[in-house]
Amino acid sequence: MGDLVEAIISLMKREQAAGKVYNIGSSQEIAIEDLADRIIEMTGSKSKKQFVPYEVAYGRPIEDMMRRVPSLERIKKTIGWEPKTSLTETLQLIIDNEMRKKD
């Protein structure tokens, strides 16, 4: 989350960024199933994955991308930004925060 805030603040300070669209994310690709597996493992959850057909989750099928990896070229060129926190670190921060809420 810190990476996101840092990127937004840096973009707000750059006049040349006004009116442009920037991807703020990671070029680290992960499948939704793999993400679910990682979260289950990291939390020690006994949850079972439930597979939902595309049509049920999203409605009528449309042409859709099978892979989503954002291009970070524009934001890197404009403000030199790259994510510093890995997906695993980010997930752990979120998990820790949610666990604290339970206490």
N, C-alpha and C. Protein backbone atom coordinates (compact mmCIF):
# COMPACT_ATOMS: atom_id res chain seq x y z
N MET A 1 0.82 -1.19 0.00
CA MET A 1 0.00 0.00 0.00
C MET A 1 0.87 1.25 0.00
N GLY A 2 2.01 1.16 0.66
CA GLY A 2 2.93 2.29 0.68
C GLY A 2 3.42 2.64 -0.71
N ASP A 3 3.64 1.62 -1.54
CA ASP A 3 4.07 1.85 -2.92
C ASP A 3 3.02 2.67 -3.68
N LEU A 4 1.76 2.31 -3.49
CA LEU A 4 0.66 2.99 -4.16
C LEU A 4 0.60 4.46 -3.76
N VAL A 5 0.66 4.72 -2.47
CA VAL A 5 0.61 6.10 -1.97
C VAL A 5 1.79 6.90 -2.49
N GLU A 6 2.97 6.31 -2.44
CA GLU A 6 4.18 6.99 -2.93
C GLU A 6 4.02 7.36 -4.41
N ALA A 7 3.52 6.44 -5.21
CA ALA A 7 3.35 6.69 -6.65
C ALA A 7 2.34 7.81 -6.89
N ILE A 8 1.21 7.77 -6.20
CA ILE A 8 0.18 8.79 -6.41
C ILE A 8 0.69 10.17 -6.01
N ILE A 9 1.35 10.27 -4.88
CA ILE A 9 1.88 11.57 -4.43
C ILE A 9 2.92 12.08 -5.42
N SER A 10 3.80 11.21 -5.88
CA SER A 10 4.83 11.62 -6.84
C SER A 10 4.21 12.10 -8.14
N LEU A 11 3.16 11.41 -8.60
CA LEU A 11 2.48 11.82 -9.84
C LEU A 11 1.78 13.17 -9.65
N MET A 12 1.19 13.38 -8.49
CA MET A 12 0.49 14.64 -8.22
C MET A 12 1.46 15.83 -8.26
N LYS A 13 2.71 15.59 -7.95
CA LYS A 13 3.72 16.65 -7.93
C LYS A 13 4.29 16.95 -9.31
N ARG A 14 3.99 16.10 -10.29
CA ARG A 14 4.52 16.28 -11.64
C ARG A 14 3.47 16.87 -12.56
N GLU A 15 3.70 18.09 -13.00
CA GLU A 15 2.75 18.76 -13.89
C GLU A 15 2.52 17.95 -15.17
N GLN A 16 3.58 17.34 -15.69
CA GLN A 16 3.46 16.59 -16.94
C GLN A 16 2.60 15.34 -16.80
N ALA A 17 2.30 14.93 -15.57
CA ALA A 17 1.48 13.73 -15.35
C ALA A 17 -0.02 14.04 -15.42
N ALA A 18 -0.38 15.31 -15.32
CA ALA A 18 -1.79 15.70 -15.30
C ALA A 18 -2.52 15.22 -16.55
N GLY A 19 -3.68 14.61 -16.34
CA GLY A 19 -4.53 14.18 -17.45
C GLY A 19 -4.11 12.88 -18.10
N LYS A 20 -3.06 12.27 -17.63
CA LYS A 20 -2.60 11.01 -18.22
C LYS A 20 -2.99 9.84 -17.32
N VAL A 21 -3.04 8.67 -17.91
CA VAL A 21 -3.37 7.44 -17.18
C VAL A 21 -2.09 6.67 -16.90
N TYR A 22 -1.95 6.22 -15.65
CA TYR A 22 -0.77 5.48 -15.25
C TYR A 22 -1.17 4.17 -14.60
N ASN A 23 -0.45 3.12 -14.95
CA ASN A 23 -0.61 1.84 -14.25
C ASN A 23 0.27 1.89 -13.01
N ILE A 24 -0.31 1.55 -11.88
CA ILE A 24 0.44 1.44 -10.63
C ILE A 24 0.24 0.01 -10.16
N GLY A 25 1.26 -0.77 -10.25
CA GLY A 25 1.11 -2.17 -9.89
C GLY A 25 2.45 -2.87 -9.95
N SER A 26 2.38 -4.10 -10.35
CA SER A 26 3.58 -4.92 -10.43
C SER A 26 3.58 -5.67 -11.75
N SER A 27 4.75 -5.89 -12.28
CA SER A 27 4.86 -6.69 -13.48
C SER A 27 5.00 -8.17 -13.13
N GLN A 28 4.91 -8.47 -11.84
CA GLN A 28 4.96 -9.86 -11.38
C GLN A 28 3.60 -10.49 -11.66
N GLU A 29 3.58 -11.44 -12.57
CA GLU A 29 2.32 -12.09 -12.96
C GLU A 29 1.99 -13.24 -12.02
N ILE A 30 0.70 -13.36 -11.68
CA ILE A 30 0.25 -14.48 -10.86
C ILE A 30 -1.18 -14.82 -11.26
N ALA A 31 -1.45 -16.11 -11.40
CA ALA A 31 -2.80 -16.57 -11.71
C ALA A 31 -3.66 -16.47 -10.46
N ILE A 32 -4.95 -16.24 -10.64
CA ILE A 32 -5.87 -16.12 -9.50
C ILE A 32 -5.82 -17.36 -8.63
N GLU A 33 -5.77 -18.54 -9.25
CA GLU A 33 -5.70 -19.77 -8.46
C GLU A 33 -4.42 -19.82 -7.62
N ASP A 34 -3.31 -19.40 -8.20
CA ASP A 34 -2.05 -19.38 -7.45
C ASP A 34 -2.09 -18.36 -6.31
N LEU A 35 -2.75 -17.23 -6.55
CA LEU A 35 -2.92 -16.23 -5.50
C LEU A 35 -3.75 -16.80 -4.36
N ALA A 36 -4.84 -17.48 -4.71
CA ALA A 36 -5.68 -18.11 -3.68
C ALA A 36 -4.87 -19.13 -2.88
N ASP A 37 -4.08 -19.95 -3.58
CA ASP A 37 -3.24 -20.94 -2.89
C ASP A 37 -2.27 -20.26 -1.93
N ARG A 38 -1.67 -19.17 -2.38
CA ARG A 38 -0.69 -18.47 -1.54
C ARG A 38 -1.36 -17.90 -0.29
N ILE A 39 -2.53 -17.31 -0.46
CA ILE A 39 -3.25 -16.74 0.69
C ILE A 39 -3.66 -17.83 1.67
N ILE A 40 -4.17 -18.94 1.16
CA ILE A 40 -4.56 -20.06 2.02
C ILE A 40 -3.35 -20.56 2.81
N GLU A 41 -2.22 -20.69 2.11
CA GLU A 41 -0.99 -21.16 2.78
C GLU A 41 -0.51 -20.16 3.83
N MET A 42 -0.49 -18.88 3.48
CA MET A 42 0.04 -17.86 4.38
C MET A 42 -0.83 -17.68 5.63
N THR A 43 -2.13 -17.93 5.49
CA THR A 43 -3.04 -17.74 6.62
C THR A 43 -3.28 -19.02 7.40
N GLY A 44 -2.84 -20.15 6.84
CA GLY A 44 -3.11 -21.42 7.49
C GLY A 44 -4.59 -21.78 7.43
N SER A 45 -5.29 -21.20 6.47
CA SER A 45 -6.73 -21.41 6.34
C SER A 45 -7.05 -22.84 5.90
N LYS A 46 -8.19 -23.30 6.33
CA LYS A 46 -8.70 -24.61 5.91
C LYS A 46 -9.71 -24.44 4.78
N SER A 47 -9.83 -23.23 4.27
CA SER A 47 -10.78 -22.93 3.20
C SER A 47 -10.50 -23.78 1.97
N LYS A 48 -11.56 -24.15 1.30
CA LYS A 48 -11.46 -24.87 0.04
C LYS A 48 -11.77 -23.89 -1.09
N LYS A 49 -11.00 -23.99 -2.15
CA LYS A 49 -11.25 -23.12 -3.30
C LYS A 49 -12.53 -23.56 -3.99
N GLN A 50 -13.28 -22.60 -4.47
CA GLN A 50 -14.50 -22.89 -5.22
C GLN A 50 -14.33 -22.27 -6.59
N PHE A 51 -14.43 -23.09 -7.62
CA PHE A 51 -14.27 -22.61 -8.98
C PHE A 51 -15.64 -22.18 -9.52
N VAL A 52 -15.72 -20.96 -9.98
CA VAL A 52 -16.96 -20.41 -10.51
C VAL A 52 -16.77 -20.18 -12.00
N PRO A 53 -17.65 -20.72 -12.85
CA PRO A 53 -17.52 -20.50 -14.29
C PRO A 53 -17.54 -19.01 -14.63
N TYR A 54 -16.81 -18.65 -15.65
CA TYR A 54 -16.70 -17.25 -16.07
C TYR A 54 -18.07 -16.61 -16.22
N GLU A 55 -18.99 -17.31 -16.91
CA GLU A 55 -20.32 -16.77 -17.19
C GLU A 55 -21.08 -16.47 -15.89
N VAL A 56 -20.89 -17.30 -14.89
CA VAL A 56 -21.57 -17.09 -13.61
C VAL A 56 -20.98 -15.88 -12.89
N ALA A 57 -19.68 -15.77 -12.92
CA ALA A 57 -19.01 -14.67 -12.21
C ALA A 57 -19.19 -13.33 -12.91
N TYR A 58 -19.13 -13.33 -14.25
CA TYR A 58 -19.10 -12.07 -14.99
C TYR A 58 -20.25 -11.86 -15.95
N GLY A 59 -21.13 -12.84 -16.09
CA GLY A 59 -22.23 -12.68 -17.04
C GLY A 59 -21.84 -13.18 -18.42
N ARG A 60 -22.51 -12.62 -19.40
CA ARG A 60 -22.31 -13.05 -20.78
C ARG A 60 -20.83 -12.97 -21.17
N PRO A 61 -20.32 -14.05 -21.79
CA PRO A 61 -18.91 -14.03 -22.18
C PRO A 61 -18.60 -12.90 -23.16
N ILE A 62 -17.49 -12.28 -22.94
CA ILE A 62 -17.01 -11.26 -23.86
C ILE A 62 -15.56 -11.58 -24.18
N GLU A 63 -15.04 -10.90 -25.16
CA GLU A 63 -13.63 -11.09 -25.45
C GLU A 63 -12.85 -10.52 -24.27
N ASP A 64 -12.04 -11.33 -23.67
CA ASP A 64 -11.32 -10.92 -22.47
C ASP A 64 -9.87 -11.36 -22.57
N MET A 65 -9.01 -10.64 -21.90
CA MET A 65 -7.60 -11.02 -21.86
C MET A 65 -7.44 -12.19 -20.89
N MET A 66 -6.64 -13.13 -21.27
CA MET A 66 -6.36 -14.26 -20.40
C MET A 66 -5.26 -13.92 -19.40
N ARG A 67 -4.44 -12.93 -19.75
CA ARG A 67 -3.35 -12.52 -18.87
C ARG A 67 -3.42 -11.01 -18.68
N ARG A 68 -3.12 -10.59 -17.47
CA ARG A 68 -3.13 -9.15 -17.18
C ARG A 68 -1.83 -8.79 -16.47
N VAL A 69 -0.94 -8.16 -17.21
CA VAL A 69 0.32 -7.68 -16.64
C VAL A 69 0.44 -6.22 -17.07
N PRO A 70 0.33 -5.29 -16.13
CA PRO A 70 0.35 -3.88 -16.50
C PRO A 70 1.73 -3.43 -16.98
N SER A 71 1.72 -2.54 -17.95
CA SER A 71 2.97 -1.92 -18.38
C SER A 71 3.28 -0.77 -17.42
N LEU A 72 4.47 -0.80 -16.86
CA LEU A 72 4.88 0.25 -15.92
C LEU A 72 5.84 1.24 -16.58
N GLU A 73 5.98 1.14 -17.91
CA GLU A 73 6.94 1.99 -18.62
C GLU A 73 6.67 3.48 -18.44
N ARG A 74 5.41 3.89 -18.56
CA ARG A 74 5.08 5.32 -18.48
C ARG A 74 5.40 5.89 -17.10
N ILE A 75 4.99 5.20 -16.05
CA ILE A 75 5.22 5.72 -14.70
C ILE A 75 6.71 5.71 -14.35
N LYS A 76 7.42 4.71 -14.85
CA LYS A 76 8.86 4.65 -14.60
C LYS A 76 9.56 5.81 -15.31
N LYS A 77 9.14 6.08 -16.54
CA LYS A 77 9.74 7.17 -17.30
C LYS A 77 9.40 8.54 -16.70
N THR A 78 8.17 8.70 -16.22
CA THR A 78 7.72 9.99 -15.71
C THR A 78 8.29 10.32 -14.33
N ILE A 79 8.24 9.35 -13.40
CA ILE A 79 8.70 9.65 -12.04
C ILE A 79 9.74 8.66 -11.52
N GLY A 80 10.16 7.73 -12.38
CA GLY A 80 11.17 6.76 -11.96
C GLY A 80 10.64 5.72 -10.97
N TRP A 81 9.32 5.56 -10.93
CA TRP A 81 8.70 4.68 -9.93
C TRP A 81 8.74 3.22 -10.34
N GLU A 82 9.06 2.39 -9.37
CA GLU A 82 8.96 0.94 -9.50
C GLU A 82 8.48 0.42 -8.14
N PRO A 83 7.69 -0.65 -8.14
CA PRO A 83 7.24 -1.19 -6.86
C PRO A 83 8.43 -1.69 -6.04
N LYS A 84 8.37 -1.43 -4.74
CA LYS A 84 9.45 -1.88 -3.85
C LYS A 84 9.01 -3.07 -3.01
N THR A 85 7.71 -3.20 -2.81
CA THR A 85 7.18 -4.24 -1.94
C THR A 85 6.68 -5.40 -2.79
N SER A 86 7.14 -6.60 -2.49
CA SER A 86 6.71 -7.78 -3.27
C SER A 86 5.27 -8.14 -2.95
N LEU A 87 4.68 -8.96 -3.79
CA LEU A 87 3.33 -9.44 -3.55
C LEU A 87 3.23 -10.17 -2.22
N THR A 88 4.20 -11.02 -1.94
CA THR A 88 4.19 -11.77 -0.68
C THR A 88 4.25 -10.83 0.52
N GLU A 89 5.10 -9.81 0.45
CA GLU A 89 5.20 -8.84 1.55
C GLU A 89 3.89 -8.07 1.72
N THR A 90 3.28 -7.67 0.60
CA THR A 90 2.01 -6.95 0.65
C THR A 90 0.92 -7.81 1.26
N LEU A 91 0.84 -9.06 0.81
CA LEU A 91 -0.15 -9.98 1.37
C LEU A 91 0.05 -10.15 2.87
N GLN A 92 1.31 -10.28 3.29
CA GLN A 92 1.58 -10.47 4.72
C GLN A 92 1.15 -9.25 5.53
N LEU A 93 1.38 -8.06 5.00
CA LEU A 93 0.94 -6.84 5.68
C LEU A 93 -0.58 -6.82 5.84
N ILE A 94 -1.29 -7.20 4.78
CA ILE A 94 -2.75 -7.23 4.82
C ILE A 94 -3.24 -8.29 5.81
N ILE A 95 -2.65 -9.47 5.75
CA ILE A 95 -3.03 -10.56 6.66
C ILE A 95 -2.79 -10.15 8.11
N ASP A 96 -1.61 -9.59 8.38
CA ASP A 96 -1.28 -9.16 9.75
C ASP A 96 -2.29 -8.12 10.24
N ASN A 97 -2.63 -7.17 9.37
CA ASN A 97 -3.59 -6.13 9.74
C ASN A 97 -4.96 -6.74 10.05
N GLU A 98 -5.41 -7.66 9.22
CA GLU A 98 -6.71 -8.29 9.45
C GLU A 98 -6.71 -9.13 10.73
N MET A 99 -5.61 -9.79 11.02
CA MET A 99 -5.51 -10.59 12.24
C MET A 99 -5.55 -9.70 13.49
N ARG A 100 -4.91 -8.53 13.40
CA ARG A 100 -4.95 -7.58 14.53
C ARG A 100 -6.37 -7.11 14.79
N LYS A 101 -7.15 -6.93 13.73
CA LYS A 101 -8.54 -6.50 13.87
C LYS A 101 -9.37 -7.53 14.63
N LYS A 102 -9.02 -8.81 14.46
CA LYS A 102 -9.76 -9.89 15.12
C LYS A 102 -9.51 -9.92 16.62
N ASP A 103 -8.33 -9.47 17.04
CA ASP A 103 -7.96 -9.53 18.47
C ASP A 103 -8.71 -8.54 19.32
